[in-house]
Structures are given as C-alpha cells and as structure tokens.
C-alpha cells in the first residue's frame, strides 16, 4: 500500500486535517451542492470488461452530514462521489484489486477484488467518533443482497453524479484529504484481516 501514500514531507497538523470535513459536513441536509442528480434511466450495468461498485447512504441516515468516497491508486486518489442521506453513486471501474476510502471525522478503508460484468454494493454505515458521526464502508454480501430491507434501501436512494464542482472541491482539499489518510491508514493496517471489511469477487451480482 505504500505505493499510493505520498511523500513523508507532506504531513499536516490536526486542525488542517479537519478543514475538509468542516467544509463538506455542513448543518444543512439534502444532496451535496457539489453533486447533481443522475439523468433518469441512466444504465449502470457493466459489460464484461467493467465492474460497478454502488456506494449508498440509506434515507434518513444522519441527515445533514455529507461524506466523500475515493479510490486510492498509485498515481492519485480518484473521487468516487460525495454522499448524503438518501443518495447513491455508481462507480464504474476495471476488474481486479481496488482500495476505497470514505472520509468522515476520520478515514475508513475497504479492499475489493472485483469480477468483470458484476455489480457490487457498499453501504456507508454510521457510527459515532468523538462528537460527530463517522462512516465505515460495509460491503453487502450473500443474503444481504436478497433481503427486503436492503432492496428498499437501494430503491430509496437517488443516483447522483460528480460535477466539475465536486472535482474542484477534492482538488482544493487535497492536502487535508491526504493528511487524514496518512493518519488513519496505519491504524487500519494494524487491524486483523477479519476486522477489515472487504469485497470478494463472489459478492457481485
């Protein structure tokens, strides 16, 4: 994983780490102002050379808090989207191994091994860290995918897409995002594998 961690000279103190969160997590509810609703009828089904990961925040899930999701790569951290309650984003990518990061009060991570032609689902599950809710990436697996409660959560979320403004936000806050990742990644690496959420190829449908 060292491949995507930036040069050690780029270390920032905690107050700067929190700037990106403060800018993103306002008190108002609803969809992030940096995102837009996807056109009705948009088809996110992958072909055999693609995989799709759908990240979602169920309706009425800690309204007023927005959090961003990234894919970590050796060259850059790619913005997947900015989610609020009742929204979902479909991330089209290549089959193979991937690492995702969700930012809230801190950073949380998810490893994924994806098969081509499959769609995967990941819920952003809230929990409290200090005085604000944080969000961990929880992959939907097996019976979860067929459960009525899960299906209602998926259907109750609106698809949103990135805009130039969301990418501008990520670029403007790149230093605080990198610093938060640098703080949280070693803690996550020390966890036993059994405590690290992961998507396996067979989790796709």
N, C-alpha and C. Protein backbone atom coordinates (compact mmCIF):
# COMPACT_ATOMS: atom_id res chain seq x y z
N UNK A 1 0.82 -1.21 0.00
CA UNK A 1 0.00 0.00 0.00
C UNK A 1 0.85 1.26 0.00
N UNK A 2 2.14 1.14 0.26
CA UNK A 2 2.96 2.35 0.27
C UNK A 2 2.94 3.05 -1.08
N UNK A 3 2.52 2.34 -2.12
CA UNK A 3 2.59 2.91 -3.46
C UNK A 3 1.76 4.17 -3.59
N UNK A 4 0.62 4.24 -2.85
CA UNK A 4 -0.22 5.41 -3.02
C UNK A 4 -0.07 6.41 -1.89
N UNK A 5 0.78 6.16 -0.91
CA UNK A 5 1.00 7.11 0.19
C UNK A 5 2.00 8.15 -0.27
N UNK A 6 1.68 9.41 -0.07
CA UNK A 6 2.51 10.49 -0.59
C UNK A 6 3.80 10.63 0.21
N UNK A 7 4.68 11.48 -0.29
CA UNK A 7 5.97 11.74 0.34
C UNK A 7 5.79 12.14 1.79
N UNK A 8 6.68 11.65 2.66
CA UNK A 8 6.54 11.89 4.10
C UNK A 8 6.67 13.35 4.46
N UNK A 9 7.16 14.18 3.55
CA UNK A 9 7.27 15.61 3.86
C UNK A 9 5.90 16.27 3.92
N UNK A 10 4.89 15.62 3.31
CA UNK A 10 3.56 16.23 3.28
C UNK A 10 2.76 15.75 4.48
N UNK A 11 3.12 16.26 5.66
CA UNK A 11 2.42 15.93 6.89
C UNK A 11 1.81 17.21 7.44
N UNK A 12 0.55 17.11 7.87
CA UNK A 12 -0.17 18.30 8.29
C UNK A 12 -0.73 18.08 9.69
N UNK A 13 -0.83 19.14 10.46
CA UNK A 13 -1.32 19.04 11.81
C UNK A 13 -2.82 18.86 11.81
N UNK A 14 -3.36 18.39 12.95
CA UNK A 14 -4.76 18.01 13.04
C UNK A 14 -5.74 19.10 12.66
N UNK A 15 -5.57 20.36 13.07
CA UNK A 15 -6.55 21.37 12.66
C UNK A 15 -6.71 21.46 11.16
N UNK A 16 -5.61 21.31 10.40
CA UNK A 16 -5.73 21.35 8.94
C UNK A 16 -6.43 20.12 8.43
N UNK A 17 -6.19 18.97 9.08
CA UNK A 17 -6.86 17.74 8.67
C UNK A 17 -8.37 17.90 8.69
N UNK A 18 -8.87 18.67 9.64
CA UNK A 18 -10.31 18.79 9.81
C UNK A 18 -10.96 19.80 8.87
N UNK A 19 -10.17 20.60 8.16
CA UNK A 19 -10.74 21.64 7.32
C UNK A 19 -11.66 21.06 6.26
N UNK A 20 -11.19 19.99 5.57
CA UNK A 20 -12.01 19.41 4.51
C UNK A 20 -13.34 18.91 5.04
N UNK A 21 -13.34 18.31 6.24
CA UNK A 21 -14.57 17.82 6.82
C UNK A 21 -15.52 18.95 7.16
N UNK A 22 -14.98 20.02 7.72
CA UNK A 22 -15.83 21.16 8.08
C UNK A 22 -16.49 21.75 6.84
N UNK A 23 -15.72 21.89 5.77
CA UNK A 23 -16.27 22.44 4.54
C UNK A 23 -17.33 21.54 3.94
N UNK A 24 -17.16 20.23 4.11
CA UNK A 24 -18.07 19.28 3.48
C UNK A 24 -19.28 19.00 4.34
N UNK A 25 -19.10 18.87 5.65
CA UNK A 25 -20.18 18.46 6.54
C UNK A 25 -20.87 19.68 7.15
N UNK A 26 -21.67 20.35 6.35
CA UNK A 26 -22.44 21.47 6.86
C UNK A 26 -23.62 21.00 7.67
N UNK A 27 -24.38 21.95 8.19
CA UNK A 27 -25.53 21.59 9.01
C UNK A 27 -26.77 21.35 8.18
N UNK A 28 -26.80 21.79 6.94
CA UNK A 28 -27.99 21.60 6.13
C UNK A 28 -28.07 20.21 5.56
N UNK A 29 -29.30 19.65 5.47
CA UNK A 29 -29.49 18.32 4.92
C UNK A 29 -29.59 18.37 3.42
N UNK A 30 -29.90 17.19 2.84
CA UNK A 30 -30.10 17.09 1.41
C UNK A 30 -28.83 16.79 0.65
N UNK A 31 -28.97 16.68 -0.66
CA UNK A 31 -27.86 16.33 -1.53
C UNK A 31 -26.76 17.38 -1.47
N UNK A 32 -25.52 16.91 -1.58
CA UNK A 32 -24.39 17.84 -1.60
C UNK A 32 -24.53 18.81 -2.76
N UNK A 33 -24.21 20.06 -2.50
CA UNK A 33 -24.29 21.08 -3.54
C UNK A 33 -23.27 20.86 -4.65
N UNK A 34 -22.29 19.99 -4.37
CA UNK A 34 -21.25 19.73 -5.37
C UNK A 34 -21.65 18.62 -6.35
N UNK A 35 -22.72 17.90 -6.03
CA UNK A 35 -23.16 16.79 -6.86
C UNK A 35 -24.43 17.17 -7.64
N UNK A 36 -24.81 16.33 -8.60
CA UNK A 36 -26.06 16.53 -9.33
C UNK A 36 -26.78 15.20 -9.45
N UNK A 37 -28.09 15.26 -9.61
CA UNK A 37 -28.86 14.05 -9.83
C UNK A 37 -28.50 13.45 -11.18
N UNK A 38 -28.40 12.12 -11.22
CA UNK A 38 -28.14 11.45 -12.49
C UNK A 38 -29.38 11.54 -13.37
N UNK A 39 -29.22 11.62 -14.69
CA UNK A 39 -30.38 11.65 -15.59
C UNK A 39 -31.25 10.42 -15.37
N UNK A 40 -32.57 10.57 -15.41
CA UNK A 40 -33.46 9.41 -15.23
C UNK A 40 -33.16 8.33 -16.26
N UNK A 41 -33.20 7.09 -15.80
CA UNK A 41 -32.99 5.99 -16.72
C UNK A 41 -31.54 5.68 -17.04
N UNK A 42 -30.59 6.33 -16.36
CA UNK A 42 -29.18 6.05 -16.62
C UNK A 42 -28.88 4.58 -16.31
N UNK A 43 -28.24 3.91 -17.24
CA UNK A 43 -27.96 2.48 -17.13
C UNK A 43 -26.52 2.27 -16.67
N UNK A 44 -26.36 1.71 -15.48
CA UNK A 44 -25.02 1.49 -14.93
C UNK A 44 -24.60 0.02 -15.01
N UNK A 45 -25.31 -0.79 -15.77
CA UNK A 45 -24.93 -2.20 -15.87
C UNK A 45 -23.58 -2.33 -16.59
N UNK A 46 -22.66 -3.08 -16.00
CA UNK A 46 -21.33 -3.19 -16.60
C UNK A 46 -21.28 -4.20 -17.74
N UNK A 47 -20.34 -4.01 -18.66
CA UNK A 47 -20.07 -5.07 -19.62
C UNK A 47 -19.02 -5.99 -19.02
N UNK A 48 -18.58 -7.00 -19.78
CA UNK A 48 -17.67 -7.99 -19.22
C UNK A 48 -16.28 -7.44 -18.92
N UNK A 49 -15.98 -6.25 -19.41
CA UNK A 49 -14.68 -5.63 -19.17
C UNK A 49 -14.75 -4.57 -18.08
N UNK A 50 -15.88 -4.47 -17.40
CA UNK A 50 -16.06 -3.47 -16.36
C UNK A 50 -16.65 -4.12 -15.10
N UNK A 51 -16.49 -3.42 -13.99
CA UNK A 51 -17.20 -3.75 -12.76
C UNK A 51 -17.79 -2.46 -12.22
N UNK A 52 -18.92 -2.55 -11.54
CA UNK A 52 -19.57 -1.38 -10.96
C UNK A 52 -19.71 -1.57 -9.46
N UNK A 53 -19.30 -0.57 -8.70
CA UNK A 53 -19.49 -0.57 -7.25
C UNK A 53 -20.45 0.56 -6.92
N UNK A 54 -21.57 0.22 -6.29
CA UNK A 54 -22.57 1.22 -5.91
C UNK A 54 -22.42 1.50 -4.41
N UNK A 55 -22.07 2.73 -4.10
CA UNK A 55 -21.95 3.20 -2.72
C UNK A 55 -23.24 3.94 -2.36
N UNK A 56 -23.82 3.65 -1.18
CA UNK A 56 -25.08 4.29 -0.84
C UNK A 56 -25.18 4.64 0.64
N UNK A 57 -25.90 5.72 0.88
CA UNK A 57 -26.29 6.16 2.22
C UNK A 57 -27.81 6.07 2.30
N UNK A 58 -28.37 5.15 3.11
CA UNK A 58 -29.83 4.99 3.17
C UNK A 58 -30.54 6.26 3.58
N UNK A 59 -31.81 6.40 3.19
CA UNK A 59 -32.60 7.58 3.57
C UNK A 59 -32.68 7.73 5.09
N UNK A 60 -32.78 8.97 5.55
CA UNK A 60 -32.91 9.32 6.97
C UNK A 60 -31.70 8.85 7.78
N UNK A 61 -30.57 8.69 7.14
CA UNK A 61 -29.36 8.21 7.79
C UNK A 61 -28.46 9.39 8.13
N UNK A 62 -28.57 9.89 9.37
CA UNK A 62 -27.79 11.04 9.83
C UNK A 62 -27.88 12.22 8.85
N UNK A 63 -29.08 12.77 8.69
CA UNK A 63 -29.21 13.91 7.76
C UNK A 63 -28.33 15.08 8.16
N UNK A 64 -27.85 15.77 7.15
CA UNK A 64 -27.02 16.95 7.39
C UNK A 64 -25.54 16.68 7.29
N UNK A 65 -25.15 15.41 7.21
CA UNK A 65 -23.74 15.07 7.13
C UNK A 65 -23.43 14.49 5.75
N UNK A 66 -22.48 15.08 5.08
CA UNK A 66 -22.03 14.60 3.77
C UNK A 66 -20.65 13.99 3.93
N UNK A 67 -20.37 12.94 3.21
CA UNK A 67 -19.03 12.37 3.25
C UNK A 67 -18.60 11.92 1.86
N UNK A 68 -17.31 11.96 1.64
CA UNK A 68 -16.76 11.67 0.32
C UNK A 68 -16.14 10.28 0.30
N UNK A 69 -16.13 9.69 -0.90
CA UNK A 69 -15.54 8.38 -1.12
C UNK A 69 -14.52 8.51 -2.25
N UNK A 70 -13.36 7.86 -2.06
CA UNK A 70 -12.29 7.90 -3.05
C UNK A 70 -11.82 6.49 -3.36
N UNK A 71 -11.29 6.31 -4.58
CA UNK A 71 -10.47 5.13 -4.86
C UNK A 71 -9.02 5.55 -4.75
N UNK A 72 -8.22 4.75 -4.04
CA UNK A 72 -6.80 5.03 -3.88
C UNK A 72 -6.02 4.28 -4.95
N UNK A 73 -5.21 5.00 -5.71
CA UNK A 73 -4.39 4.39 -6.75
C UNK A 73 -2.96 4.89 -6.59
N UNK A 74 -1.98 4.23 -7.23
CA UNK A 74 -0.59 4.68 -7.10
C UNK A 74 -0.36 6.09 -7.61
N UNK A 75 -1.15 6.54 -8.60
CA UNK A 75 -0.94 7.85 -9.20
C UNK A 75 -1.71 8.96 -8.50
N UNK A 76 -2.93 8.67 -8.06
CA UNK A 76 -3.79 9.70 -7.47
C UNK A 76 -4.93 9.05 -6.71
N UNK A 77 -5.59 9.87 -5.91
CA UNK A 77 -6.82 9.44 -5.25
C UNK A 77 -8.00 9.95 -6.08
N UNK A 78 -8.79 9.02 -6.62
CA UNK A 78 -9.87 9.38 -7.53
C UNK A 78 -11.17 9.56 -6.75
N UNK A 79 -11.82 10.70 -6.93
CA UNK A 79 -13.09 10.95 -6.26
C UNK A 79 -14.18 10.06 -6.85
N UNK A 80 -14.78 9.23 -5.99
CA UNK A 80 -15.93 8.42 -6.40
C UNK A 80 -17.20 9.27 -6.33
N UNK A 81 -17.34 10.05 -5.26
CA UNK A 81 -18.51 10.91 -5.12
C UNK A 81 -18.64 11.42 -3.71
N UNK A 82 -19.57 12.34 -3.53
CA UNK A 82 -19.90 12.91 -2.21
C UNK A 82 -21.34 12.50 -1.90
N UNK A 83 -21.52 11.78 -0.81
CA UNK A 83 -22.81 11.18 -0.49
C UNK A 83 -23.45 11.87 0.71
N UNK A 84 -24.76 11.95 0.67
CA UNK A 84 -25.58 12.37 1.80
C UNK A 84 -26.68 11.35 1.96
N UNK A 85 -27.51 11.51 3.00
CA UNK A 85 -28.56 10.53 3.23
C UNK A 85 -29.48 10.44 2.01
N UNK A 86 -29.85 9.21 1.64
CA UNK A 86 -30.77 9.01 0.54
C UNK A 86 -30.15 9.14 -0.84
N UNK A 87 -28.82 9.03 -0.93
CA UNK A 87 -28.17 9.12 -2.24
C UNK A 87 -27.26 7.91 -2.44
N UNK A 88 -26.96 7.65 -3.71
CA UNK A 88 -26.04 6.56 -4.06
C UNK A 88 -25.28 6.99 -5.30
N UNK A 89 -24.09 6.44 -5.47
CA UNK A 89 -23.27 6.74 -6.63
C UNK A 89 -22.74 5.43 -7.20
N UNK A 90 -22.78 5.29 -8.52
CA UNK A 90 -22.29 4.10 -9.20
C UNK A 90 -20.90 4.40 -9.75
N UNK A 91 -19.94 3.62 -9.32
CA UNK A 91 -18.55 3.82 -9.74
C UNK A 91 -18.17 2.72 -10.72
N UNK A 92 -17.93 3.10 -11.94
CA UNK A 92 -17.55 2.15 -13.00
C UNK A 92 -16.03 2.06 -13.03
N UNK A 93 -15.52 0.83 -12.94
CA UNK A 93 -14.07 0.65 -12.88
C UNK A 93 -13.69 -0.64 -13.58
N UNK A 94 -12.44 -1.00 -13.49
CA UNK A 94 -11.94 -2.21 -14.13
C UNK A 94 -12.01 -3.37 -13.14
N UNK A 95 -12.10 -4.60 -13.63
CA UNK A 95 -12.00 -5.75 -12.73
C UNK A 95 -10.62 -5.78 -12.07
N UNK A 96 -10.53 -6.50 -10.96
CA UNK A 96 -9.24 -6.62 -10.28
C UNK A 96 -9.28 -6.09 -8.87
N UNK A 97 -8.12 -5.75 -8.32
CA UNK A 97 -7.99 -5.31 -6.94
C UNK A 97 -8.08 -3.79 -6.84
N UNK A 98 -8.82 -3.32 -5.84
CA UNK A 98 -9.01 -1.89 -5.63
C UNK A 98 -9.03 -1.60 -4.13
N UNK A 99 -8.72 -0.36 -3.78
CA UNK A 99 -8.83 0.10 -2.40
C UNK A 99 -9.64 1.38 -2.38
N UNK A 100 -10.67 1.42 -1.53
CA UNK A 100 -11.53 2.59 -1.42
C UNK A 100 -11.39 3.21 -0.04
N UNK A 101 -11.67 4.50 0.03
CA UNK A 101 -11.57 5.26 1.29
C UNK A 101 -12.80 6.14 1.44
N UNK A 102 -13.40 6.10 2.61
CA UNK A 102 -14.51 7.00 2.96
C UNK A 102 -14.02 7.99 3.99
N UNK A 103 -14.32 9.26 3.78
CA UNK A 103 -13.92 10.30 4.72
C UNK A 103 -15.12 10.80 5.50
N UNK A 104 -14.98 10.82 6.80
CA UNK A 104 -15.94 11.45 7.69
C UNK A 104 -15.12 12.21 8.71
N UNK A 105 -15.32 11.91 10.00
CA UNK A 105 -14.46 12.51 11.02
C UNK A 105 -13.02 12.02 10.84
N UNK A 106 -12.90 10.79 10.32
CA UNK A 106 -11.61 10.20 10.02
C UNK A 106 -11.75 9.43 8.71
N UNK A 107 -10.71 8.71 8.29
CA UNK A 107 -10.76 7.92 7.07
C UNK A 107 -10.97 6.45 7.42
N UNK A 108 -11.81 5.78 6.63
CA UNK A 108 -12.01 4.34 6.73
C UNK A 108 -11.79 3.73 5.35
N UNK A 109 -11.44 2.45 5.31
CA UNK A 109 -10.97 1.85 4.06
C UNK A 109 -11.70 0.55 3.77
N UNK A 110 -11.62 0.17 2.50
CA UNK A 110 -12.23 -1.08 2.03
C UNK A 110 -11.38 -1.63 0.90
N UNK A 111 -10.97 -2.90 1.02
CA UNK A 111 -10.30 -3.60 -0.07
C UNK A 111 -11.37 -4.31 -0.91
N UNK A 112 -11.12 -4.39 -2.22
CA UNK A 112 -12.10 -5.03 -3.10
C UNK A 112 -11.38 -5.81 -4.19
N UNK A 113 -11.89 -7.00 -4.47
CA UNK A 113 -11.47 -7.79 -5.64
C UNK A 113 -12.71 -8.00 -6.49
N UNK A 114 -12.70 -7.43 -7.67
CA UNK A 114 -13.91 -7.33 -8.48
C UNK A 114 -13.80 -8.17 -9.74
N UNK A 115 -14.92 -8.81 -10.08
CA UNK A 115 -15.02 -9.55 -11.34
C UNK A 115 -15.68 -8.68 -12.41
N UNK A 116 -15.29 -8.87 -13.64
CA UNK A 116 -15.92 -8.16 -14.74
C UNK A 116 -17.36 -8.60 -14.94
N UNK A 117 -18.20 -7.66 -15.34
CA UNK A 117 -19.60 -7.95 -15.61
C UNK A 117 -20.47 -8.02 -14.36
N UNK A 118 -19.93 -7.65 -13.19
CA UNK A 118 -20.69 -7.73 -11.94
C UNK A 118 -20.87 -6.36 -11.30
N UNK A 119 -21.95 -6.26 -10.51
CA UNK A 119 -22.25 -5.05 -9.73
C UNK A 119 -22.14 -5.38 -8.25
N UNK A 120 -21.47 -4.51 -7.50
CA UNK A 120 -21.25 -4.69 -6.07
C UNK A 120 -21.89 -3.54 -5.31
N UNK A 121 -22.27 -3.79 -4.06
CA UNK A 121 -22.93 -2.78 -3.24
C UNK A 121 -22.17 -2.58 -1.94
N UNK A 122 -21.99 -1.31 -1.57
CA UNK A 122 -21.31 -0.95 -0.32
C UNK A 122 -22.13 0.12 0.38
N UNK A 123 -22.51 -0.16 1.64
CA UNK A 123 -23.23 0.82 2.45
C UNK A 123 -22.24 1.61 3.30
N UNK A 124 -22.51 2.89 3.44
CA UNK A 124 -21.75 3.71 4.36
C UNK A 124 -22.48 3.68 5.70
N UNK A 125 -21.94 2.91 6.63
CA UNK A 125 -22.59 2.66 7.91
C UNK A 125 -22.11 3.67 8.95
N UNK A 126 -23.05 4.39 9.59
CA UNK A 126 -22.64 5.42 10.55
C UNK A 126 -22.29 4.85 11.92
N UNK A 127 -21.36 5.50 12.59
CA UNK A 127 -21.08 5.27 13.99
C UNK A 127 -20.50 6.57 14.53
N UNK A 128 -20.52 6.74 15.85
CA UNK A 128 -20.05 8.00 16.41
C UNK A 128 -18.58 7.93 16.76
N UNK A 129 -17.85 8.95 16.29
CA UNK A 129 -16.43 9.13 16.61
C UNK A 129 -16.31 10.54 17.18
N UNK A 130 -15.92 10.64 18.47
CA UNK A 130 -15.90 11.94 19.16
C UNK A 130 -17.32 12.50 19.20
N UNK A 131 -17.55 13.69 18.64
CA UNK A 131 -18.86 14.32 18.74
C UNK A 131 -19.62 14.28 17.43
N UNK A 132 -19.07 13.64 16.39
CA UNK A 132 -19.72 13.61 15.09
C UNK A 132 -19.83 12.18 14.59
N UNK A 133 -20.86 11.89 13.79
CA UNK A 133 -20.94 10.55 13.22
C UNK A 133 -19.84 10.33 12.18
N UNK A 134 -19.31 9.13 12.17
CA UNK A 134 -18.35 8.74 11.16
C UNK A 134 -18.98 7.62 10.34
N UNK A 135 -18.32 7.25 9.25
CA UNK A 135 -18.92 6.27 8.35
C UNK A 135 -17.88 5.25 7.92
N UNK A 136 -18.23 3.98 8.10
CA UNK A 136 -17.38 2.91 7.65
C UNK A 136 -17.98 2.27 6.41
N UNK A 137 -17.16 1.68 5.57
CA UNK A 137 -17.60 1.06 4.33
C UNK A 137 -17.96 -0.40 4.60
N UNK A 138 -19.23 -0.74 4.45
CA UNK A 138 -19.71 -2.08 4.75
C UNK A 138 -20.22 -2.75 3.48
N UNK A 139 -19.51 -3.76 2.98
CA UNK A 139 -19.95 -4.43 1.76
C UNK A 139 -21.19 -5.29 1.99
N UNK A 140 -22.09 -5.27 1.04
CA UNK A 140 -23.27 -6.12 1.09
C UNK A 140 -22.90 -7.48 0.51
N UNK A 141 -23.24 -8.54 1.25
CA UNK A 141 -22.83 -9.89 0.85
C UNK A 141 -23.99 -10.87 0.95
N UNK A 142 -23.95 -11.91 0.13
CA UNK A 142 -24.83 -13.06 0.26
C UNK A 142 -26.29 -12.72 0.46
N UNK A 143 -26.83 -13.15 1.61
CA UNK A 143 -28.24 -12.98 1.90
C UNK A 143 -28.63 -11.50 2.03
N UNK A 144 -27.65 -10.64 2.37
CA UNK A 144 -27.96 -9.22 2.48
C UNK A 144 -28.54 -8.68 1.17
N UNK A 145 -28.02 -9.16 0.06
CA UNK A 145 -28.43 -8.64 -1.24
C UNK A 145 -29.88 -8.98 -1.57
N UNK A 146 -30.36 -10.08 -0.99
CA UNK A 146 -31.73 -10.51 -1.26
C UNK A 146 -32.73 -10.04 -0.21
N UNK A 147 -32.26 -9.43 0.86
CA UNK A 147 -33.14 -9.00 1.95
C UNK A 147 -34.01 -7.82 1.52
N UNK A 148 -35.27 -7.84 1.92
CA UNK A 148 -36.19 -6.76 1.56
C UNK A 148 -35.70 -5.42 2.08
N UNK A 149 -35.16 -5.41 3.29
CA UNK A 149 -34.70 -4.15 3.87
C UNK A 149 -33.58 -3.54 3.03
N UNK A 150 -32.68 -4.41 2.55
CA UNK A 150 -31.59 -3.90 1.72
C UNK A 150 -32.13 -3.38 0.39
N UNK A 151 -33.03 -4.13 -0.22
CA UNK A 151 -33.59 -3.70 -1.51
C UNK A 151 -34.31 -2.36 -1.37
N UNK A 152 -35.02 -2.16 -0.27
CA UNK A 152 -35.72 -0.89 -0.05
C UNK A 152 -34.72 0.25 0.13
N UNK A 153 -33.61 -0.04 0.79
CA UNK A 153 -32.58 0.99 0.96
C UNK A 153 -32.02 1.41 -0.39
N UNK A 154 -31.74 0.43 -1.24
CA UNK A 154 -31.21 0.74 -2.57
C UNK A 154 -32.22 1.53 -3.38
N UNK A 155 -33.48 1.07 -3.39
CA UNK A 155 -34.52 1.74 -4.18
C UNK A 155 -34.83 3.12 -3.64
N UNK A 156 -34.64 3.33 -2.33
CA UNK A 156 -34.96 4.61 -1.72
C UNK A 156 -33.89 5.67 -1.91
N UNK A 157 -32.77 5.30 -2.52
CA UNK A 157 -31.68 6.25 -2.74
C UNK A 157 -31.68 6.73 -4.19
N UNK A 158 -31.41 8.00 -4.38
CA UNK A 158 -31.33 8.58 -5.72
C UNK A 158 -29.89 8.56 -6.21
N UNK A 159 -29.72 8.22 -7.49
CA UNK A 159 -28.37 8.26 -8.06
C UNK A 159 -27.90 9.71 -8.22
N UNK A 160 -26.67 9.95 -7.79
CA UNK A 160 -26.05 11.26 -8.00
C UNK A 160 -24.74 11.06 -8.74
N UNK A 161 -24.26 12.13 -9.37
CA UNK A 161 -23.04 12.09 -10.16
C UNK A 161 -22.12 13.25 -9.78
N UNK A 162 -20.85 13.05 -10.05
CA UNK A 162 -19.89 14.13 -9.85
C UNK A 162 -20.12 15.26 -10.85
N UNK A 163 -19.62 16.41 -10.51
CA UNK A 163 -19.66 17.60 -11.36
C UNK A 163 -18.28 18.24 -11.35
N UNK A 164 -18.03 19.22 -12.19
CA UNK A 164 -16.77 19.96 -12.07
C UNK A 164 -16.57 20.54 -10.67
N UNK A 165 -17.67 20.92 -10.01
CA UNK A 165 -17.56 21.48 -8.66
C UNK A 165 -17.09 20.44 -7.64
N UNK A 166 -17.55 19.19 -7.78
CA UNK A 166 -17.10 18.16 -6.83
C UNK A 166 -15.62 17.86 -7.02
N UNK A 167 -15.16 17.84 -8.26
CA UNK A 167 -13.74 17.62 -8.51
C UNK A 167 -12.90 18.81 -8.04
N UNK A 168 -13.45 20.01 -8.19
CA UNK A 168 -12.77 21.21 -7.68
C UNK A 168 -12.64 21.13 -6.16
N UNK A 169 -13.73 20.66 -5.50
CA UNK A 169 -13.69 20.52 -4.04
C UNK A 169 -12.57 19.56 -3.64
N UNK A 170 -12.49 18.40 -4.32
CA UNK A 170 -11.46 17.42 -3.99
C UNK A 170 -10.07 17.99 -4.22
N UNK A 171 -9.90 18.73 -5.28
CA UNK A 171 -8.59 19.32 -5.58
C UNK A 171 -8.22 20.37 -4.54
N UNK A 172 -9.19 21.19 -4.17
CA UNK A 172 -8.94 22.27 -3.20
C UNK A 172 -8.58 21.71 -1.83
N UNK A 173 -9.14 20.56 -1.49
CA UNK A 173 -8.93 19.96 -0.17
C UNK A 173 -7.96 18.79 -0.20
N UNK A 174 -7.15 18.68 -1.27
CA UNK A 174 -6.27 17.53 -1.43
C UNK A 174 -5.30 17.38 -0.25
N UNK A 175 -4.80 18.48 0.28
CA UNK A 175 -3.83 18.38 1.37
C UNK A 175 -4.47 17.83 2.64
N UNK A 176 -5.67 18.28 2.99
CA UNK A 176 -6.32 17.78 4.19
C UNK A 176 -6.77 16.34 4.00
N UNK A 177 -7.18 15.97 2.78
CA UNK A 177 -7.57 14.59 2.50
C UNK A 177 -6.36 13.67 2.65
N UNK A 178 -5.23 14.09 2.09
CA UNK A 178 -4.01 13.30 2.18
C UNK A 178 -3.56 13.14 3.64
N UNK A 179 -3.66 14.21 4.42
CA UNK A 179 -3.24 14.15 5.81
C UNK A 179 -4.13 13.22 6.62
N UNK A 180 -5.43 13.27 6.37
CA UNK A 180 -6.35 12.39 7.10
C UNK A 180 -6.08 10.93 6.72
N UNK A 181 -5.82 10.67 5.45
CA UNK A 181 -5.47 9.31 5.02
C UNK A 181 -4.20 8.85 5.72
N UNK A 182 -3.21 9.72 5.79
CA UNK A 182 -1.92 9.36 6.39
C UNK A 182 -2.09 8.99 7.87
N UNK A 183 -2.98 9.67 8.57
CA UNK A 183 -3.21 9.38 9.98
C UNK A 183 -3.95 8.05 10.15
N UNK A 184 -4.96 7.80 9.34
CA UNK A 184 -5.85 6.66 9.55
C UNK A 184 -5.33 5.36 8.96
N UNK A 185 -4.55 5.43 7.87
CA UNK A 185 -4.14 4.20 7.19
C UNK A 185 -3.31 3.27 8.07
N UNK A 186 -2.30 3.75 8.81
CA UNK A 186 -1.52 2.82 9.65
C UNK A 186 -2.38 2.12 10.70
N UNK A 187 -3.36 2.82 11.26
CA UNK A 187 -4.25 2.20 12.24
C UNK A 187 -5.05 1.08 11.59
N UNK A 188 -5.52 1.32 10.38
CA UNK A 188 -6.30 0.31 9.68
C UNK A 188 -5.43 -0.88 9.30
N UNK A 189 -4.21 -0.64 8.89
CA UNK A 189 -3.29 -1.70 8.51
C UNK A 189 -3.00 -2.64 9.68
N UNK A 190 -2.99 -2.11 10.90
CA UNK A 190 -2.68 -2.93 12.07
C UNK A 190 -3.82 -3.83 12.49
N UNK A 191 -5.01 -3.61 11.97
CA UNK A 191 -6.15 -4.44 12.34
C UNK A 191 -5.99 -5.85 11.79
N UNK A 192 -6.50 -6.86 12.50
CA UNK A 192 -6.53 -8.21 11.92
C UNK A 192 -7.37 -8.22 10.65
N UNK A 193 -7.02 -9.10 9.73
CA UNK A 193 -7.76 -9.16 8.47
C UNK A 193 -9.26 -9.38 8.69
N UNK A 194 -9.60 -10.12 9.73
CA UNK A 194 -11.01 -10.40 10.00
C UNK A 194 -11.79 -9.14 10.34
N UNK A 195 -11.10 -8.08 10.76
CA UNK A 195 -11.78 -6.84 11.13
C UNK A 195 -11.77 -5.81 10.00
N UNK A 196 -11.17 -6.17 8.87
CA UNK A 196 -11.10 -5.25 7.74
C UNK A 196 -12.20 -5.61 6.74
N UNK A 197 -13.15 -4.70 6.49
CA UNK A 197 -14.19 -5.00 5.51
C UNK A 197 -13.59 -5.18 4.12
N UNK A 198 -14.14 -6.12 3.37
CA UNK A 198 -13.61 -6.38 2.04
C UNK A 198 -14.71 -6.91 1.12
N UNK A 199 -14.57 -6.60 -0.15
CA UNK A 199 -15.44 -7.17 -1.19
C UNK A 199 -14.68 -8.29 -1.88
N UNK A 200 -15.30 -9.45 -2.00
CA UNK A 200 -14.74 -10.58 -2.72
C UNK A 200 -15.43 -10.70 -4.08
N UNK A 201 -14.79 -11.35 -5.05
CA UNK A 201 -15.41 -11.47 -6.38
C UNK A 201 -16.83 -12.02 -6.34
N UNK A 202 -17.07 -13.00 -5.46
CA UNK A 202 -18.39 -13.63 -5.41
C UNK A 202 -19.47 -12.75 -4.79
N UNK A 203 -19.11 -11.58 -4.25
CA UNK A 203 -20.11 -10.68 -3.68
C UNK A 203 -20.87 -9.90 -4.73
N UNK A 204 -20.41 -9.94 -5.97
CA UNK A 204 -21.07 -9.22 -7.05
C UNK A 204 -22.26 -10.00 -7.60
N UNK A 205 -23.17 -9.29 -8.25
CA UNK A 205 -24.33 -9.90 -8.87
C UNK A 205 -24.43 -9.45 -10.33
